[in-house]
Protein backbone atom coordinates (compact mmCIF):
# COMPACT_ATOMS: atom_id res chain seq x y z
CA MET A 1 13.06 0.36 23.12
CA ASN A 2 12.00 -1.70 20.12
CA PHE A 3 9.14 -0.49 17.92
CA GLN A 4 7.24 -2.32 15.19
CA SER A 5 4.49 -1.10 12.89
CA ILE A 6 2.62 -4.15 11.60
CA ILE A 7 0.20 -4.23 8.68
CA PRO A 8 -2.99 -5.91 9.95
CA ASP A 9 -4.19 -9.18 8.49
CA LYS A 10 -6.70 -8.83 5.66
CA SER A 11 -9.41 -10.34 7.89
CA VAL A 12 -9.39 -7.26 10.14
CA SER A 13 -8.14 -4.57 7.74
CA LEU A 14 -11.65 -3.16 7.23
CA PHE A 15 -11.59 -1.80 10.79
CA VAL A 16 -7.92 -1.98 11.91
CA LYS A 17 -5.63 0.60 10.32
CA ASN A 18 -2.37 -0.45 11.92
CA ILE A 19 -0.84 -2.48 14.75
CA TRP A 20 1.92 -0.91 16.83
CA VAL A 21 4.22 -2.79 19.19
CA PHE A 22 6.49 -1.13 21.76
CA GLU A 23 8.70 -3.28 23.95
CA SER A 24 11.70 -3.06 26.22
CA GLU A 25 13.55 -5.49 28.51
CA GLU A 26 15.43 -2.79 30.45
CA LYS A 27 14.43 -3.33 34.08
CA ASP A 28 15.73 0.01 35.39
CA ALA A 29 14.54 2.18 32.49
CA LYS A 30 11.95 4.92 32.76
CA THR A 31 10.16 5.39 29.45
CA SER A 32 8.00 8.27 28.23
CA LEU A 33 6.08 7.72 24.99
CA PRO A 34 4.41 10.86 23.56
CA PHE A 35 1.25 10.52 21.47
CA PHE A 36 -0.32 13.21 19.30
CA ALA A 37 -3.61 13.57 17.47
CA ASP A 38 -3.82 11.18 14.51
CA GLY A 39 -7.57 10.78 13.98
CA PHE A 40 -7.74 7.16 15.13
CA PRO A 41 -8.80 5.62 18.44
CA GLY A 42 -7.41 2.28 19.54
CA LEU A 43 -7.46 -0.86 21.64
CA MET A 44 -4.40 -1.26 23.85
CA PHE A 45 -2.95 -4.24 25.69
CA GLN A 46 -0.11 -3.52 28.09
CA GLN A 47 2.05 -6.01 29.94
CA THR A 48 4.31 -4.00 32.23
CA GLU A 49 6.47 -4.59 35.27
CA ASN A 50 5.17 -1.61 37.26
CA GLY A 51 2.02 -0.47 35.45
CA LEU A 52 1.32 2.20 32.88
CA ILE A 53 0.31 5.80 33.64
CA VAL A 54 -1.28 8.23 31.19
CA LYS A 55 -0.28 11.89 31.59
CA PRO A 56 -1.66 14.49 32.15
CA HIS A 57 -4.56 12.42 33.58
CA ASP A 58 -2.26 10.59 36.05
CA ARG A 59 -4.31 7.45 35.59
CA LYS A 60 -2.90 3.97 36.08
CA MET A 61 -4.46 1.89 33.33
CA PRO A 62 -5.76 -1.70 33.26
CA GLU A 63 -4.11 -4.31 31.06
CA ILE A 64 -6.70 -3.93 28.27
CA PHE A 65 -8.57 -0.74 27.46
CA LEU A 66 -10.02 1.33 24.66
CA TYR A 67 -8.92 4.91 24.04
CA GLY A 68 -10.73 7.58 22.07
CA GLN A 69 -9.56 10.34 19.77
CA THR A 70 -6.35 11.94 21.06
CA ILE A 71 -6.74 15.68 20.43
CA ASN A 72 -4.46 17.13 23.09
CA PRO A 73 -0.97 15.61 23.43
CA ILE A 74 -0.54 12.86 26.02
CA VAL A 75 2.41 10.93 27.38
CA ILE A 76 2.50 7.29 28.50
CA GLU A 77 4.94 6.71 31.36
CA ILE A 78 6.34 3.28 32.17
CA SER A 79 8.97 2.05 34.64
CA GLY A 80 10.85 -1.15 33.93
CA THR A 81 10.17 -3.76 31.27
CA TYR A 82 7.08 -3.59 29.10
CA LEU A 83 5.21 -4.85 26.08
CA ILE A 84 2.53 -2.61 24.55
CA ILE A 85 0.32 -3.69 21.65
CA ILE A 86 -1.94 -1.07 20.07
CA PHE A 87 -4.60 -1.86 17.50
CA GLN A 88 -5.22 1.46 15.78
CA LEU A 89 -8.90 1.41 14.79
CA TYR A 90 -10.80 3.19 12.07
CA PRO A 91 -13.01 5.54 14.13
CA PHE A 92 -16.29 4.50 12.50
CA VAL A 93 -16.34 1.25 14.55
CA LEU A 94 -16.32 2.68 18.09
CA ARG A 95 -20.05 3.20 18.50
CA THR A 96 -21.10 -0.04 16.81
CA PHE A 97 -18.49 -2.42 18.25
CA PHE A 98 -18.32 -1.13 21.82
CA ASP A 99 -21.66 0.65 22.39
CA VAL A 100 -19.87 3.85 23.34
CA LEU A 101 -20.46 7.37 22.03
CA PRO A 102 -17.12 8.20 20.35
CA GLN A 103 -17.25 11.87 21.34
CA SER A 104 -17.64 10.91 25.01
CA ILE A 105 -14.15 9.39 25.12
CA ASN A 106 -12.23 12.02 23.17
CA ASP A 107 -8.97 12.58 25.08
CA ASN A 108 -10.05 9.78 27.40
CA CYS A 109 -10.10 6.03 27.89
CA TYR A 110 -12.84 3.44 28.20
CA TYR A 111 -12.70 0.30 30.29
CA LEU A 112 -14.20 -2.57 28.33
CA ASP A 113 -17.26 -4.29 29.80
CA ASN A 114 -16.20 -7.32 31.84
CA THR A 115 -19.60 -8.42 33.15
CA ASP A 116 -19.29 -11.86 31.56
CA GLY A 117 -15.63 -12.28 32.51
CA GLU A 118 -14.48 -12.34 28.88
CA ILE A 119 -11.99 -9.48 29.23
CA SER A 120 -10.36 -11.04 32.31
CA LYS A 121 -10.17 -14.36 30.46
CA LEU A 122 -8.63 -12.65 27.43
CA ASN A 123 -6.08 -10.88 29.62
CA LEU A 124 -4.96 -14.18 31.18
CA GLN A 125 -4.66 -15.72 27.73
CA LEU A 126 -2.60 -12.76 26.45
CA ILE A 127 -0.22 -12.91 29.41
CA SER A 128 0.28 -16.67 29.01
CA CYS A 129 0.98 -16.46 25.25
CA LYS A 130 4.61 -17.11 24.45
CA THR A 131 4.87 -15.18 21.19
CA LEU A 132 3.85 -11.75 19.94
CA ASN A 133 2.01 -13.26 16.99
CA GLU A 134 -0.17 -15.32 19.34
CA LYS A 135 -1.13 -12.19 21.25
CA ILE A 136 -1.96 -10.32 18.05
CA ASP A 137 -4.09 -13.25 16.86
CA LEU A 138 -6.05 -13.25 20.14
CA ILE A 139 -6.84 -9.53 19.93
CA SER A 140 -7.70 -9.88 16.24
CA ASN A 141 -10.14 -12.67 17.09
CA LEU A 142 -11.81 -10.49 19.73
CA LEU A 143 -12.34 -7.73 17.16
CA LEU A 144 -13.55 -10.23 14.56
CA HIS A 145 -16.10 -11.43 17.11
CA TYR A 146 -17.42 -7.85 17.46
CA PHE A 147 -17.44 -7.50 13.68
CA GLU A 148 -19.37 -10.70 13.01
CA ASN A 149 -22.03 -9.78 15.56
CA LYS A 150 -22.46 -6.13 14.55
CA LYS A 151 -21.28 -5.67 10.97
CA GLN A 152 -24.80 -4.94 9.71
CA ASN A 153 -24.82 -1.73 11.78
CA LEU A 154 -21.50 -0.33 10.53
CA ASP A 155 -21.63 2.89 8.50
CA LEU A 156 -19.33 1.87 5.65
CA GLU A 157 -20.05 5.09 3.78
CA ILE A 158 -18.31 7.01 6.58
CA ARG A 159 -15.35 4.61 6.31
CA LYS A 160 -15.12 5.36 2.61
CA ILE A 161 -15.03 9.08 3.38
CA ILE A 162 -12.36 8.58 6.07
CA VAL A 163 -10.15 6.82 3.49
CA GLU A 164 -10.76 9.62 0.99
CA ILE A 165 -9.75 12.30 3.52
CA MET A 166 -6.61 10.29 4.32
CA ALA A 167 -5.71 9.91 0.65
CA ALA A 168 -5.99 13.67 0.18
CA LYS A 169 -3.87 14.21 3.33
CA GLY A 170 -6.69 16.32 4.77
CA GLN A 171 -6.54 18.86 1.97
CA GLU A 172 -9.79 18.11 0.10
CA ASN A 173 -12.75 20.41 0.70
CA ILE A 174 -15.32 18.81 3.02
CA ARG A 175 -18.27 20.17 1.07
CA ALA A 176 -16.85 18.65 -2.13
CA ILE A 177 -16.52 15.26 -0.40
CA ALA A 178 -20.15 15.42 0.77
CA GLU A 179 -21.31 16.29 -2.75
CA LYS A 180 -19.38 13.32 -4.20
CA GLN A 181 -21.31 11.04 -1.86
CA ASN A 182 -24.61 12.79 -2.71
CA LEU A 183 -24.97 13.83 0.92
CA ASN A 184 -26.38 17.04 2.32
CA LEU A 185 -23.51 18.82 4.10
CA ARG A 186 -25.34 19.08 7.45
CA THR A 187 -26.42 15.44 7.30
CA PHE A 188 -22.87 14.39 6.45
CA GLU A 189 -21.40 16.41 9.33
CA ARG A 190 -23.88 14.93 11.83
CA ARG A 191 -23.23 11.37 10.69
CA PHE A 192 -19.46 11.80 10.70
CA LEU A 193 -19.46 13.27 14.22
CA LYS A 194 -21.78 10.53 15.49
CA GLU A 195 -19.58 7.73 14.14
CA THR A 196 -16.07 9.12 14.72
CA GLY A 197 -16.31 11.60 17.61
CA LEU A 198 -14.96 14.44 15.46
CA PRO A 199 -16.46 16.90 12.95
CA PRO A 200 -15.12 16.09 9.46
CA LYS A 201 -13.23 19.40 9.26
CA GLN A 202 -11.40 18.65 12.50
CA PHE A 203 -10.59 15.12 11.35
CA ALA A 204 -9.21 16.53 8.08
CA LYS A 205 -7.12 19.06 10.01
CA ILE A 206 -5.63 16.25 12.12
CA ILE A 207 -4.76 14.22 9.00
CA GLN A 208 -3.17 17.35 7.51
CA PHE A 209 -1.19 17.89 10.74
CA GLN A 210 -0.03 14.26 10.73
CA ALA A 211 1.31 14.61 7.17
CA SER A 212 3.31 17.68 8.22
CA LEU A 213 4.51 15.94 11.41
CA LYS A 214 5.82 12.99 9.38
CA GLN A 215 7.63 15.28 6.95
CA LEU A 216 9.17 17.25 9.83
CA SER A 217 10.17 14.11 11.75
CA ILE A 218 12.04 12.49 8.86
CA LYS A 219 13.50 15.88 7.86
CA ASP A 220 12.09 15.66 4.34
CA TYR A 221 12.39 19.37 3.60
CA THR A 222 14.94 22.04 2.78
CA LYS A 223 13.20 24.91 4.56
CA MET A 224 10.15 25.10 6.79
CA THR A 225 8.03 26.71 4.08
CA ASP A 226 8.36 23.47 2.07
CA ILE A 227 6.26 21.73 4.74
CA VAL A 228 3.82 24.64 4.91
CA TYR A 229 2.89 24.66 1.24
CA GLU A 230 3.24 20.95 0.47
CA ASN A 231 0.69 20.23 3.19
CA GLY A 232 -1.82 22.88 2.19
CA PHE A 233 -1.42 25.39 5.02
CA ALA A 234 -2.33 28.98 4.17
CA ASP A 235 0.99 30.35 5.43
CA GLN A 236 3.71 29.69 8.00
CA SER A 237 1.86 31.32 10.91
CA HIS A 238 -1.16 29.10 10.23
CA PHE A 239 1.06 26.01 10.18
CA ILE A 240 2.76 26.98 13.45
CA LYS A 241 -0.61 27.62 15.12
CA VAL A 242 -2.02 24.22 14.10
CA PHE A 243 1.20 22.36 14.94
CA LYS A 244 1.46 23.94 18.38
CA ALA A 245 -2.20 23.18 19.12
CA PHE A 246 -1.58 19.46 18.60
CA THR A 247 1.91 19.08 20.08
CA GLY A 248 2.32 21.94 22.55
CA LYS A 249 5.49 23.01 20.70
CA THR A 250 6.39 25.08 17.68
CA PRO A 251 7.70 23.08 14.68
CA LYS A 252 11.18 24.47 15.24
CA ASN A 253 11.27 23.47 18.91
CA PHE A 254 9.79 20.06 18.12
CA SER A 255 12.45 19.46 15.45
CA ARG A 256 15.20 20.23 17.95
């Protein structure tokens, strides 16, 4: 399997955090790709030989679909050759761009509206493209179309807060963030949930988990307590509890 993480073009960077590409030309291979909570929904295009199934839902997915916040771990299963392109989206755009309540598709997927035939047309164009860059440009243009039509309704204050939580790796106090923005805590919590599908504390916890997951994955530690305290967990038992909730495994088992 080949994997690329691509920095999005500046034209879409306001609402696209990252672009991931997974591909393989092994016809007889069976591939399982695990995904864990990261705080960001996404738009996925998949071009596969035998289809793509999301576990544990056991759903065979269309070529283009939107997915919401991944809270519980999932696995994508593929047989044969494949190309998967994922546009990781800042969560504040879901409601405005796609007219969907973000919370309603947590741990779930959303089939994009095809009443005007645009999605089918886009899929045919993506399949016929000869290069990866052409495919990425087509998806970028679709998102730019949504942006140009609906940008006046975007809650950019929530985006600013999302970036602040990310910069603090989930360790900044939520009340302090609300006060910085001159927002009442309850009002802030309601707005954040409405736009992202998650309460701000849960989003911060996921960002904190992701920082610890990265450190564990690249083995950037001497002992497990290094990860615990560098990522702001109260103690090792707290870290293990959070890690297991998002991956289904203890940090030690995951590392193995």
